[in-house]
N, C-alpha and C. Protein backbone atom coordinates (compact mmCIF):
# COMPACT_ATOMS: atom_id res chain seq x y z
N UNK A 1 31.49 8.39 -1.43
CA UNK A 1 30.65 8.36 -1.26
C UNK A 1 29.45 7.29 -1.36
N UNK A 2 28.57 6.34 0.14
CA UNK A 2 28.34 5.15 -0.03
C UNK A 2 26.61 5.30 -1.11
N UNK A 3 26.32 4.60 -2.19
CA UNK A 3 25.56 4.58 -2.45
C UNK A 3 24.51 3.60 -2.20
N UNK A 4 23.17 4.28 -1.75
CA UNK A 4 21.82 3.40 -1.17
C UNK A 4 21.43 2.64 -1.95
N UNK A 5 21.03 1.43 -1.09
CA UNK A 5 19.68 0.25 -2.52
C UNK A 5 18.50 0.73 -2.37
N UNK A 6 17.64 0.71 -3.02
CA UNK A 6 16.22 1.34 -2.86
C UNK A 6 15.47 -0.36 -3.63
N UNK A 7 14.74 -0.39 -2.54
CA UNK A 7 14.03 -1.90 -2.92
C UNK A 7 12.53 -0.74 -2.98
N UNK A 8 12.03 -1.02 -4.83
CA UNK A 8 11.12 -0.16 -5.41
C UNK A 8 9.70 -1.25 -4.98
N UNK A 9 8.80 -1.64 -4.27
CA UNK A 9 7.93 -2.80 -4.66
C UNK A 9 6.66 -2.22 -5.14
N UNK A 10 6.20 -2.70 -5.73
CA UNK A 10 4.20 -1.96 -6.58
C UNK A 10 4.24 -3.16 -7.51
N UNK A 11 2.47 -3.27 -7.73
CA UNK A 11 2.30 -4.07 -8.65
C UNK A 11 2.36 -3.85 -9.59
N UNK A 12 1.96 -2.17 -10.11
CA UNK A 12 1.91 -1.16 -11.72
C UNK A 12 3.17 -1.12 -11.81
N UNK A 13 3.33 -2.02 -13.13
CA UNK A 13 4.79 -1.67 -13.71
C UNK A 13 5.27 0.21 -14.11
N UNK A 14 4.19 1.08 -13.85
CA UNK A 14 4.83 2.15 -14.74
C UNK A 14 5.16 2.75 -13.80
N UNK A 15 4.04 2.30 -12.34
CA UNK A 15 4.91 3.34 -11.20
C UNK A 15 6.57 2.95 -10.55
N UNK A 16 6.24 1.62 -10.88
CA UNK A 16 7.97 1.08 -10.75
C UNK A 16 9.60 1.79 -11.32
N UNK A 17 8.99 1.61 -12.79
CA UNK A 17 9.72 1.92 -13.75
C UNK A 17 9.89 3.84 -13.31
N UNK A 18 9.06 4.39 -13.43
CA UNK A 18 8.76 5.91 -13.05
C UNK A 18 9.90 6.39 -11.55
N UNK A 19 9.82 5.53 -10.49
CA UNK A 19 10.18 5.91 -9.19
C UNK A 19 12.07 5.90 -9.64
N UNK A 20 11.92 4.42 -10.32
CA UNK A 20 13.78 3.43 -10.53
C UNK A 20 14.26 4.67 -11.15
N UNK A 21 13.50 5.48 -12.15
CA UNK A 21 14.81 6.53 -13.48
C UNK A 21 14.70 7.22 -12.34
N UNK A 22 13.69 7.84 -11.72
CA UNK A 22 14.53 9.62 -11.04
C UNK A 22 15.31 9.15 -9.73
N UNK A 23 15.21 7.71 -9.53
CA UNK A 23 15.79 7.09 -8.27
C UNK A 23 17.59 7.10 -9.00
N UNK A 24 17.77 6.01 -9.71
CA UNK A 24 18.92 5.57 -10.41
C UNK A 24 19.21 7.41 -10.59
N UNK A 25 18.79 8.23 -11.36
CA UNK A 25 19.26 9.61 -12.32
C UNK A 25 19.51 10.62 -10.61
N UNK A 26 18.96 10.15 -9.07
CA UNK A 26 19.80 11.14 -7.89
C UNK A 26 20.80 10.09 -7.57
N UNK A 27 21.42 8.81 -8.37
CA UNK A 27 22.77 8.20 -8.00
C UNK A 27 22.57 7.10 -6.61
N UNK A 28 21.08 6.39 -6.61
CA UNK A 28 20.79 5.73 -6.26
C UNK A 28 20.92 4.31 -6.66
N UNK A 29 21.40 3.38 -5.93
CA UNK A 29 20.97 1.78 -6.56
C UNK A 29 19.45 1.18 -6.54
N UNK A 30 19.13 0.53 -7.54
CA UNK A 30 17.66 0.81 -7.00
C UNK A 30 17.22 -0.96 -7.38
N UNK A 31 16.85 -1.57 -7.05
CA UNK A 31 15.80 -3.00 -7.27
C UNK A 31 14.23 -2.48 -7.26
N UNK A 32 13.53 -3.81 -8.23
CA UNK A 32 11.80 -4.15 -8.53
C UNK A 32 11.68 -5.20 -8.09
N UNK A 33 10.22 -5.21 -7.32
CA UNK A 33 9.66 -5.97 -7.37
C UNK A 33 8.54 -5.96 -7.45
N UNK A 34 7.62 -6.80 -7.80
CA UNK A 34 5.67 -6.13 -8.39
C UNK A 34 5.18 -6.92 -7.41
N UNK A 35 5.92 -7.74 -6.84
CA UNK A 35 4.98 -8.38 -5.34
C UNK A 35 5.76 -8.79 -4.12
N UNK A 36 5.02 -8.34 -2.48
CA UNK A 36 5.68 -8.95 -0.96
C UNK A 36 6.41 -10.16 -1.40
N UNK A 37 6.36 -11.12 -2.02
CA UNK A 37 6.85 -12.44 -2.15
C UNK A 37 8.53 -11.82 -2.99
N UNK A 38 8.14 -11.57 -3.80
CA UNK A 38 9.72 -11.19 -4.76
C UNK A 38 10.39 -10.27 -3.73
N UNK A 39 9.70 -9.46 -2.81
CA UNK A 39 10.41 -8.59 -2.52
C UNK A 39 11.31 -9.21 -1.01
N UNK A 40 10.20 -10.20 -0.40
CA UNK A 40 11.57 -10.77 0.59
C UNK A 40 12.52 -11.81 -0.50
N UNK A 41 12.15 -12.51 -1.31
CA UNK A 41 12.81 -13.43 -2.06
C UNK A 41 14.71 -12.17 -1.91
N UNK A 42 14.47 -10.69 -3.30
CA UNK A 42 15.17 -10.07 -3.25
C UNK A 42 16.40 -9.47 -1.65
N UNK A 43 15.78 -9.35 -0.56
CA UNK A 43 15.79 -8.83 0.03
C UNK A 43 16.88 -10.08 1.10
N UNK A 44 16.50 -10.91 0.64
CA UNK A 44 17.07 -12.16 0.85
C UNK A 44 18.86 -13.01 -0.07
N UNK A 45 18.76 -12.07 -1.06
CA UNK A 45 19.90 -12.67 -1.91
C UNK A 45 20.65 -10.83 -2.33
N UNK A 46 20.29 -9.65 -1.78
CA UNK A 46 20.99 -8.65 -2.04
C UNK A 46 20.46 -7.76 -0.68
N UNK A 47 21.70 -6.74 -1.09
CA UNK A 47 21.94 -5.93 0.12
C UNK A 47 20.66 -4.22 -0.29
N UNK A 48 20.08 -4.27 0.93
CA UNK A 48 18.95 -3.62 0.81
C UNK A 48 19.13 -2.53 1.89
N UNK A 49 18.69 -0.40 1.18
CA UNK A 49 18.94 -0.24 2.55
C UNK A 49 17.51 0.50 3.01
N UNK A 50 16.83 0.36 2.13
CA UNK A 50 15.78 1.58 2.09
C UNK A 50 14.53 0.63 1.49
N UNK A 51 13.35 0.49 1.81
CA UNK A 51 12.07 0.26 0.98
C UNK A 51 11.28 0.73 0.91
N UNK A 52 10.27 1.28 -0.31
CA UNK A 52 9.76 1.85 -0.59
C UNK A 52 8.45 0.84 -1.88
N UNK A 53 7.11 1.02 -0.93
CA UNK A 53 5.95 0.34 -1.11
C UNK A 53 5.17 0.60 -1.01
N UNK A 54 3.71 0.30 -2.35
CA UNK A 54 2.82 0.34 -2.19
C UNK A 54 2.06 -0.59 -1.45
N UNK A 55 0.77 0.24 -0.80
CA UNK A 55 -0.15 -0.68 0.28
C UNK A 55 -0.79 -1.44 -0.03
N UNK A 56 -1.52 -1.21 -1.06
CA UNK A 56 -2.37 -2.35 -1.61
C UNK A 56 -1.19 -3.30 -2.79
N UNK A 57 -1.27 -4.27 -2.52
CA UNK A 57 -1.30 -5.47 -3.73
C UNK A 57 -1.80 -6.63 -2.97
N UNK A 58 -1.74 -7.13 -4.53
CA UNK A 58 -2.05 -8.87 -3.87
C UNK A 58 -0.82 -9.24 -3.37
N UNK A 59 -1.76 -10.49 -2.69
CA UNK A 59 -0.94 -11.76 -1.33
C UNK A 59 -0.61 -10.70 -0.59
N UNK A 60 0.69 -10.31 -0.11
CA UNK A 60 0.65 -9.64 0.52
C UNK A 60 1.10 -8.34 0.90
N UNK A 61 0.09 -7.58 1.33
CA UNK A 61 -0.22 -6.10 1.29
C UNK A 61 1.66 -4.82 2.07
N UNK A 62 1.27 -4.71 1.47
CA UNK A 62 2.57 -3.08 2.00
C UNK A 62 3.10 -3.23 3.00
N UNK A 63 1.72 -2.41 4.65
CA UNK A 63 1.90 -3.29 5.81
C UNK A 63 2.77 -4.41 6.21
N UNK A 64 2.50 -5.70 5.71
CA UNK A 64 2.50 -7.01 5.80
C UNK A 64 4.18 -6.84 5.17
N UNK A 65 4.28 -6.70 4.10
CA UNK A 65 5.57 -6.64 3.76
C UNK A 65 6.71 -6.45 4.82
N UNK A 66 5.88 -4.52 5.41
CA UNK A 66 7.48 -3.69 6.30
C UNK A 66 7.49 -4.50 7.55
N UNK A 67 6.05 -5.77 8.32
CA UNK A 67 6.53 -6.26 8.87
C UNK A 67 7.28 -7.19 8.82
N UNK A 68 7.47 -7.91 7.86
CA UNK A 68 8.51 -8.89 7.53
C UNK A 68 9.33 -8.45 7.13
N UNK A 69 9.45 -7.18 7.01
CA UNK A 69 10.90 -7.32 6.40
C UNK A 69 12.08 -6.71 8.04
N UNK A 70 10.58 -5.72 8.83
CA UNK A 70 11.65 -5.69 10.08
C UNK A 70 11.76 -6.54 10.99
N UNK A 71 11.59 -7.83 10.64
CA UNK A 71 11.83 -9.22 11.20
C UNK A 71 13.55 -9.92 10.23
N UNK A 72 13.33 -9.48 9.25
CA UNK A 72 14.43 -9.91 8.66
C UNK A 72 15.50 -9.47 8.58
N UNK A 73 15.04 -7.93 8.89
CA UNK A 73 16.87 -7.00 8.93
C UNK A 73 16.34 -5.49 9.55
N UNK A 74 15.88 -5.10 10.69
CA UNK A 74 16.15 -4.35 11.00
C UNK A 74 16.75 -2.67 10.85
N UNK A 75 17.51 -2.94 10.07
CA UNK A 75 18.20 -1.97 9.97
C UNK A 75 18.13 -1.15 8.37
N UNK A 76 16.93 -2.23 7.99
CA UNK A 76 16.18 -1.69 6.58
C UNK A 76 15.23 -0.50 6.44
N UNK A 77 15.62 0.43 6.18
CA UNK A 77 14.13 1.65 7.07
C UNK A 77 12.98 1.94 5.88
């Protein structure tokens, strides 16, 4: 069975670490970004299947990030 790769984007480190711990325990590959700009860089260089993002972040908001991701790769959910 294929392991899905999940990108977690949040400017609060404790949130990302908690989600990462839970998702890894469930067998998912995880990547972490602390801002929208970093998330775009990760998407450009890694296979990402799913993005979990905070909405309010400095710089690119979560909504704007999801729009940009859709433009880059519409298969990412």
